[in-house]
């Protein structure tokens, strides 16, 4: 197998795991920032930081997935969106039963981040 074909195969194999790891890194950063914060009970740490991290998580999930896919990026974007919605739907079921509005807002902002990433990378997506 030539180096070019190997690179293409590795990019296909790494698209979803790398997108997931990039998305997960946003939540790791949230815990790091909130852990090193001087003021633990600040509304910024409790409410705003999780929303920002949810947005970054959705944005990086879609961006890394689209940019790693060697071809068919429109289909990859649709598959990543479907996977994100399935995962978020599974995660939203317990949140809806407890009626936590901040967690529900995080899920909505995560989807909004991935949607904005898709439209901002419109030129990179094959049409």
N, C-alpha and C. Protein backbone atom coordinates (compact mmCIF):
# COMPACT_ATOMS: atom_id res chain seq x y z
N UNK A 1 0.85 -1.17 0.00
CA UNK A 1 0.00 0.00 0.00
C UNK A 1 0.91 1.24 0.00
N UNK A 2 0.57 2.18 -0.85
CA UNK A 2 1.39 3.39 -0.94
C UNK A 2 1.13 4.30 0.27
N UNK A 3 2.03 5.23 0.46
CA UNK A 3 1.90 6.16 1.60
C UNK A 3 0.65 7.01 1.49
N UNK A 4 0.28 7.38 0.28
CA UNK A 4 -0.92 8.23 0.09
C UNK A 4 -2.18 7.45 0.49
N UNK A 5 -2.28 6.21 0.05
CA UNK A 5 -3.45 5.40 0.40
C UNK A 5 -3.50 5.12 1.89
N UNK A 6 -2.34 4.89 2.49
CA UNK A 6 -2.28 4.67 3.93
C UNK A 6 -2.74 5.90 4.69
N UNK A 7 -2.33 7.07 4.22
CA UNK A 7 -2.75 8.32 4.87
C UNK A 7 -4.26 8.51 4.77
N UNK A 8 -4.83 8.16 3.64
CA UNK A 8 -6.28 8.29 3.46
C UNK A 8 -7.02 7.33 4.38
N UNK A 9 -6.55 6.10 4.46
CA UNK A 9 -7.18 5.11 5.33
C UNK A 9 -7.09 5.56 6.80
N UNK A 10 -5.94 6.05 7.20
CA UNK A 10 -5.78 6.51 8.58
C UNK A 10 -6.66 7.72 8.88
N UNK A 11 -6.83 8.60 7.91
CA UNK A 11 -7.71 9.75 8.12
C UNK A 11 -9.16 9.30 8.29
N UNK A 12 -9.59 8.31 7.49
CA UNK A 12 -10.95 7.81 7.65
C UNK A 12 -11.14 7.13 9.00
N UNK A 13 -10.13 6.37 9.40
CA UNK A 13 -10.23 5.66 10.68
C UNK A 13 -10.19 6.63 11.86
N UNK A 14 -9.52 7.75 11.71
CA UNK A 14 -9.37 8.67 12.82
C UNK A 14 -10.39 9.78 12.89
N UNK A 15 -11.26 9.90 11.90
CA UNK A 15 -12.20 11.03 11.87
C UNK A 15 -13.11 11.05 13.09
N UNK A 16 -13.81 9.97 13.35
CA UNK A 16 -14.75 9.96 14.48
C UNK A 16 -14.06 9.95 15.83
N UNK A 17 -13.04 9.11 16.05
CA UNK A 17 -12.39 9.15 17.37
C UNK A 17 -11.72 10.49 17.68
N UNK A 18 -11.10 11.10 16.68
CA UNK A 18 -10.46 12.39 16.91
C UNK A 18 -11.49 13.49 17.14
N UNK A 19 -12.61 13.42 16.45
CA UNK A 19 -13.67 14.40 16.68
C UNK A 19 -14.22 14.26 18.10
N UNK A 20 -14.39 13.03 18.54
CA UNK A 20 -14.89 12.79 19.88
C UNK A 20 -13.88 13.27 20.94
N UNK A 21 -12.60 12.98 20.72
CA UNK A 21 -11.57 13.43 21.67
C UNK A 21 -11.46 14.94 21.72
N UNK A 22 -11.59 15.59 20.58
CA UNK A 22 -11.56 17.05 20.56
C UNK A 22 -12.75 17.63 21.30
N UNK A 23 -13.90 17.00 21.14
CA UNK A 23 -15.09 17.44 21.85
C UNK A 23 -14.95 17.23 23.35
N UNK A 24 -14.38 16.11 23.73
CA UNK A 24 -14.17 15.80 25.14
C UNK A 24 -13.18 16.76 25.79
N UNK A 25 -12.23 17.24 25.02
CA UNK A 25 -11.23 18.15 25.57
C UNK A 25 -11.85 19.46 26.06
N UNK A 26 -12.95 19.87 25.48
CA UNK A 26 -13.63 21.09 25.94
C UNK A 26 -14.14 20.90 27.37
N UNK A 27 -14.67 19.73 27.66
CA UNK A 27 -15.15 19.47 29.02
C UNK A 27 -14.00 19.30 30.00
N UNK A 28 -12.89 18.75 29.54
CA UNK A 28 -11.72 18.65 30.41
C UNK A 28 -11.22 20.05 30.75
N UNK A 29 -11.20 20.92 29.77
CA UNK A 29 -10.79 22.31 30.03
C UNK A 29 -11.74 22.99 31.01
N UNK A 30 -13.04 22.68 30.92
CA UNK A 30 -13.99 23.27 31.84
C UNK A 30 -13.65 22.87 33.27
N UNK A 31 -13.36 21.61 33.50
CA UNK A 31 -13.02 21.17 34.85
C UNK A 31 -11.71 21.79 35.32
N UNK A 32 -10.76 21.94 34.40
CA UNK A 32 -9.50 22.56 34.79
C UNK A 32 -9.70 24.03 35.17
N UNK A 33 -10.44 24.75 34.36
CA UNK A 33 -10.68 26.17 34.66
C UNK A 33 -11.48 26.35 35.94
N UNK A 34 -12.49 25.53 36.13
CA UNK A 34 -13.30 25.67 37.34
C UNK A 34 -12.53 25.20 38.57
N UNK A 35 -11.62 24.25 38.39
CA UNK A 35 -10.82 23.76 39.52
C UNK A 35 -9.77 24.75 39.97
N UNK A 36 -9.23 25.51 39.03
CA UNK A 36 -8.21 26.49 39.37
C UNK A 36 -8.78 27.87 39.68
N UNK A 37 -10.09 27.98 39.63
CA UNK A 37 -10.72 29.27 39.89
C UNK A 37 -10.60 29.63 41.38
N UNK A 38 -10.36 30.90 41.63
CA UNK A 38 -10.26 31.38 43.01
C UNK A 38 -11.65 31.42 43.64
N UNK A 39 -12.63 31.87 42.87
CA UNK A 39 -14.00 31.99 43.37
C UNK A 39 -14.78 30.79 42.86
N UNK A 40 -15.07 29.85 43.73
CA UNK A 40 -15.75 28.61 43.33
C UNK A 40 -17.26 28.80 43.15
N UNK A 41 -17.85 29.76 43.85
CA UNK A 41 -19.30 29.93 43.80
C UNK A 41 -19.74 31.04 42.85
N UNK A 42 -18.89 31.43 41.95
CA UNK A 42 -19.21 32.50 41.01
C UNK A 42 -20.24 32.02 40.00
N UNK A 43 -21.17 32.88 39.61
CA UNK A 43 -22.17 32.52 38.61
C UNK A 43 -21.51 32.27 37.26
N UNK A 44 -20.37 32.91 37.05
CA UNK A 44 -19.63 32.70 35.82
C UNK A 44 -19.14 31.26 35.72
N UNK A 45 -18.63 30.72 36.81
CA UNK A 45 -18.13 29.34 36.83
C UNK A 45 -19.29 28.34 36.80
N UNK A 46 -20.36 28.66 37.49
CA UNK A 46 -21.47 27.71 37.62
C UNK A 46 -22.33 27.65 36.36
N UNK A 47 -22.61 28.80 35.74
CA UNK A 47 -23.56 28.85 34.63
C UNK A 47 -22.93 29.12 33.27
N UNK A 48 -22.07 30.12 33.19
CA UNK A 48 -21.57 30.55 31.89
C UNK A 48 -20.48 29.63 31.35
N UNK A 49 -19.54 29.20 32.18
CA UNK A 49 -18.45 28.34 31.72
C UNK A 49 -18.95 27.01 31.13
N UNK A 50 -19.92 26.34 31.75
CA UNK A 50 -20.43 25.12 31.09
C UNK A 50 -21.09 25.39 29.74
N UNK A 51 -21.73 26.53 29.58
CA UNK A 51 -22.34 26.86 28.29
C UNK A 51 -21.28 27.12 27.23
N UNK A 52 -20.23 27.84 27.61
CA UNK A 52 -19.14 28.11 26.68
C UNK A 52 -18.47 26.80 26.27
N UNK A 53 -18.24 25.94 27.24
CA UNK A 53 -17.60 24.65 26.95
C UNK A 53 -18.49 23.76 26.08
N UNK A 54 -19.79 23.83 26.26
CA UNK A 54 -20.71 23.06 25.41
C UNK A 54 -20.64 23.55 23.97
N UNK A 55 -20.57 24.86 23.81
CA UNK A 55 -20.44 25.42 22.46
C UNK A 55 -19.14 24.98 21.82
N UNK A 56 -18.03 25.10 22.56
CA UNK A 56 -16.73 24.71 22.04
C UNK A 56 -16.70 23.22 21.73
N UNK A 57 -17.34 22.43 22.56
CA UNK A 57 -17.40 20.99 22.35
C UNK A 57 -18.09 20.64 21.04
N UNK A 58 -19.25 21.22 20.80
CA UNK A 58 -19.96 20.97 19.55
C UNK A 58 -19.20 21.48 18.34
N UNK A 59 -18.60 22.66 18.48
CA UNK A 59 -17.85 23.26 17.39
C UNK A 59 -16.64 22.41 17.02
N UNK A 60 -15.89 21.97 18.01
CA UNK A 60 -14.69 21.17 17.73
C UNK A 60 -15.05 19.78 17.20
N UNK A 61 -16.15 19.22 17.68
CA UNK A 61 -16.59 17.90 17.19
C UNK A 61 -16.80 17.95 15.68
N UNK A 62 -17.54 18.94 15.23
CA UNK A 62 -17.83 19.05 13.81
C UNK A 62 -16.61 19.48 13.02
N UNK A 63 -15.84 20.41 13.52
CA UNK A 63 -14.68 20.92 12.79
C UNK A 63 -13.63 19.84 12.58
N UNK A 64 -13.28 19.13 13.62
CA UNK A 64 -12.26 18.08 13.49
C UNK A 64 -12.76 16.95 12.59
N UNK A 65 -14.02 16.60 12.71
CA UNK A 65 -14.56 15.54 11.85
C UNK A 65 -14.54 15.92 10.38
N UNK A 66 -14.91 17.16 10.08
CA UNK A 66 -14.93 17.60 8.68
C UNK A 66 -13.51 17.73 8.13
N UNK A 67 -12.62 18.30 8.91
CA UNK A 67 -11.28 18.54 8.41
C UNK A 67 -10.44 17.27 8.31
N UNK A 68 -10.75 16.25 9.08
CA UNK A 68 -10.00 14.99 8.98
C UNK A 68 -10.49 14.09 7.86
N UNK A 69 -11.73 14.22 7.48
CA UNK A 69 -12.27 13.36 6.42
C UNK A 69 -11.60 13.72 5.09
N UNK A 70 -11.03 12.74 4.40
CA UNK A 70 -10.33 13.04 3.16
C UNK A 70 -11.26 13.37 1.99
N UNK A 71 -12.49 12.90 2.04
CA UNK A 71 -13.45 13.18 0.96
C UNK A 71 -14.86 12.97 1.53
N UNK A 72 -15.84 13.28 0.72
CA UNK A 72 -17.25 13.12 1.10
C UNK A 72 -17.55 13.87 2.42
N UNK A 73 -17.06 15.07 2.52
CA UNK A 73 -17.20 15.79 3.79
C UNK A 73 -18.65 16.16 4.10
N UNK A 74 -19.48 16.34 3.10
CA UNK A 74 -20.89 16.63 3.37
C UNK A 74 -21.56 15.44 4.04
N UNK A 75 -21.27 14.25 3.58
CA UNK A 75 -21.84 13.04 4.18
C UNK A 75 -21.28 12.84 5.58
N UNK A 76 -19.98 13.09 5.75
CA UNK A 76 -19.36 12.99 7.07
C UNK A 76 -20.01 13.96 8.04
N UNK A 77 -20.26 15.18 7.58
CA UNK A 77 -20.91 16.17 8.44
C UNK A 77 -22.31 15.73 8.83
N UNK A 78 -23.05 15.15 7.90
CA UNK A 78 -24.40 14.67 8.22
C UNK A 78 -24.35 13.50 9.19
N UNK A 79 -23.39 12.60 9.01
CA UNK A 79 -23.26 11.46 9.92
C UNK A 79 -22.86 11.94 11.31
N UNK A 80 -21.91 12.87 11.38
CA UNK A 80 -21.51 13.40 12.68
C UNK A 80 -22.66 14.12 13.38
N UNK A 81 -23.46 14.84 12.61
CA UNK A 81 -24.62 15.51 13.19
C UNK A 81 -25.62 14.49 13.71
N UNK A 82 -25.86 13.43 12.94
CA UNK A 82 -26.79 12.38 13.40
C UNK A 82 -26.27 11.72 14.67
N UNK A 83 -24.97 11.40 14.70
CA UNK A 83 -24.39 10.79 15.90
C UNK A 83 -24.49 11.72 17.10
N UNK A 84 -24.21 13.00 16.87
CA UNK A 84 -24.30 13.98 17.96
C UNK A 84 -25.73 14.07 18.49
N UNK A 85 -26.70 14.08 17.59
CA UNK A 85 -28.09 14.16 18.03
C UNK A 85 -28.53 12.90 18.77
N UNK A 86 -28.06 11.74 18.33
CA UNK A 86 -28.40 10.49 19.02
C UNK A 86 -27.78 10.48 20.41
N UNK A 87 -26.51 10.86 20.51
CA UNK A 87 -25.85 10.89 21.81
C UNK A 87 -26.51 11.90 22.73
N UNK A 88 -26.84 13.06 22.21
CA UNK A 88 -27.47 14.08 23.04
C UNK A 88 -28.89 13.68 23.43
N UNK A 89 -29.59 12.99 22.56
CA UNK A 89 -30.94 12.53 22.89
C UNK A 89 -30.88 11.53 24.04
N UNK A 90 -29.90 10.63 24.00
CA UNK A 90 -29.74 9.67 25.10
C UNK A 90 -29.39 10.41 26.39
N UNK A 91 -28.54 11.41 26.29
CA UNK A 91 -28.15 12.17 27.48
C UNK A 91 -29.24 13.09 27.99
N UNK A 92 -30.16 13.50 27.11
CA UNK A 92 -31.22 14.43 27.52
C UNK A 92 -32.35 13.75 28.28
N UNK A 93 -32.54 12.46 28.08
CA UNK A 93 -33.66 11.78 28.73
C UNK A 93 -33.61 11.89 30.25
N UNK A 94 -32.47 11.62 30.91
CA UNK A 94 -32.45 11.81 32.36
C UNK A 94 -32.57 13.27 32.78
N UNK A 95 -32.06 14.17 31.93
CA UNK A 95 -32.12 15.60 32.26
C UNK A 95 -33.56 16.10 32.22
N UNK A 96 -34.34 15.62 31.27
CA UNK A 96 -35.73 16.05 31.17
C UNK A 96 -36.56 15.55 32.34
N UNK A 97 -36.22 14.38 32.86
CA UNK A 97 -36.99 13.86 33.99
C UNK A 97 -36.68 14.63 35.28
N UNK A 98 -35.47 15.16 35.39
CA UNK A 98 -35.10 15.93 36.58
C UNK A 98 -35.44 17.41 36.42
N UNK A 99 -35.63 17.83 35.18
CA UNK A 99 -35.98 19.20 34.83
C UNK A 99 -34.87 20.18 35.22
N UNK A 100 -33.64 19.86 34.81
CA UNK A 100 -32.52 20.77 34.99
C UNK A 100 -32.40 21.61 33.73
N UNK A 101 -32.71 22.88 33.84
CA UNK A 101 -32.71 23.74 32.66
C UNK A 101 -31.30 24.05 32.18
N UNK A 102 -30.31 24.12 33.06
CA UNK A 102 -28.95 24.43 32.64
C UNK A 102 -28.37 23.30 31.81
N UNK A 103 -28.65 22.05 32.17
CA UNK A 103 -28.15 20.91 31.40
C UNK A 103 -28.83 20.83 30.04
N UNK A 104 -30.12 21.11 30.00
CA UNK A 104 -30.84 21.13 28.73
C UNK A 104 -30.29 22.22 27.82
N UNK A 105 -29.99 23.37 28.40
CA UNK A 105 -29.40 24.47 27.63
C UNK A 105 -28.03 24.08 27.09
N UNK A 106 -27.27 23.33 27.87
CA UNK A 106 -25.96 22.88 27.41
C UNK A 106 -26.10 21.99 26.17
N UNK A 107 -27.07 21.11 26.16
CA UNK A 107 -27.27 20.25 25.01
C UNK A 107 -27.66 21.05 23.78
N UNK A 108 -28.52 22.01 23.95
CA UNK A 108 -28.95 22.84 22.82
C UNK A 108 -27.77 23.65 22.28
N UNK A 109 -26.96 24.19 23.17
CA UNK A 109 -25.80 24.99 22.74
C UNK A 109 -24.75 24.09 22.07
N UNK A 110 -24.63 22.86 22.50
CA UNK A 110 -23.71 21.92 21.86
C UNK A 110 -24.11 21.69 20.41
N UNK A 111 -25.39 21.48 20.16
CA UNK A 111 -25.88 21.30 18.80
C UNK A 111 -25.71 22.59 18.00
N UNK A 112 -25.94 23.73 18.64
CA UNK A 112 -25.74 25.01 17.96
C UNK A 112 -24.28 25.21 17.57
N UNK A 113 -23.36 24.81 18.43
CA UNK A 113 -21.94 24.92 18.11
C UNK A 113 -21.55 24.08 16.92
N UNK A 114 -22.08 22.86 16.85
CA UNK A 114 -21.74 22.00 15.70
C UNK A 114 -22.39 22.53 14.42
N UNK A 115 -23.57 23.10 14.53
CA UNK A 115 -24.23 23.68 13.36
C UNK A 115 -23.46 24.89 12.84
N UNK A 116 -23.02 25.73 13.75
CA UNK A 116 -22.24 26.91 13.35
C UNK A 116 -20.92 26.48 12.73
N UNK A 117 -20.30 25.42 13.25
CA UNK A 117 -19.06 24.91 12.66
C UNK A 117 -19.30 24.42 11.25
N UNK A 118 -20.41 23.75 11.03
CA UNK A 118 -20.72 23.25 9.70
C UNK A 118 -20.86 24.40 8.71
N UNK A 119 -21.59 25.44 9.10
CA UNK A 119 -21.80 26.56 8.19
C UNK A 119 -20.56 27.43 8.04
N UNK A 120 -19.72 27.48 9.05
CA UNK A 120 -18.50 28.27 8.92
C UNK A 120 -17.46 27.53 8.07
N UNK A 121 -17.56 26.21 7.97
CA UNK A 121 -16.67 25.43 7.13
C UNK A 121 -17.33 25.06 5.82
N UNK A 122 -18.27 25.86 5.40
CA UNK A 122 -19.05 25.57 4.18
C UNK A 122 -18.14 25.40 2.96
N UNK A 123 -17.04 26.17 2.90
CA UNK A 123 -16.13 26.06 1.75
C UNK A 123 -15.35 24.76 1.77
N UNK A 124 -15.10 24.23 2.98
CA UNK A 124 -14.35 22.96 3.08
C UNK A 124 -15.24 21.77 2.80
N UNK A 125 -16.55 21.94 2.92
CA UNK A 125 -17.49 20.84 2.69
C UNK A 125 -17.78 20.72 1.19
N UNK A 126 -17.59 19.52 0.69
CA UNK A 126 -17.86 19.29 -0.73
C UNK A 126 -19.35 19.39 -1.00
N UNK A 127 -19.68 19.85 -2.13
CA UNK A 127 -21.07 20.06 -2.40
C UNK A 127 -21.65 19.25 -3.45
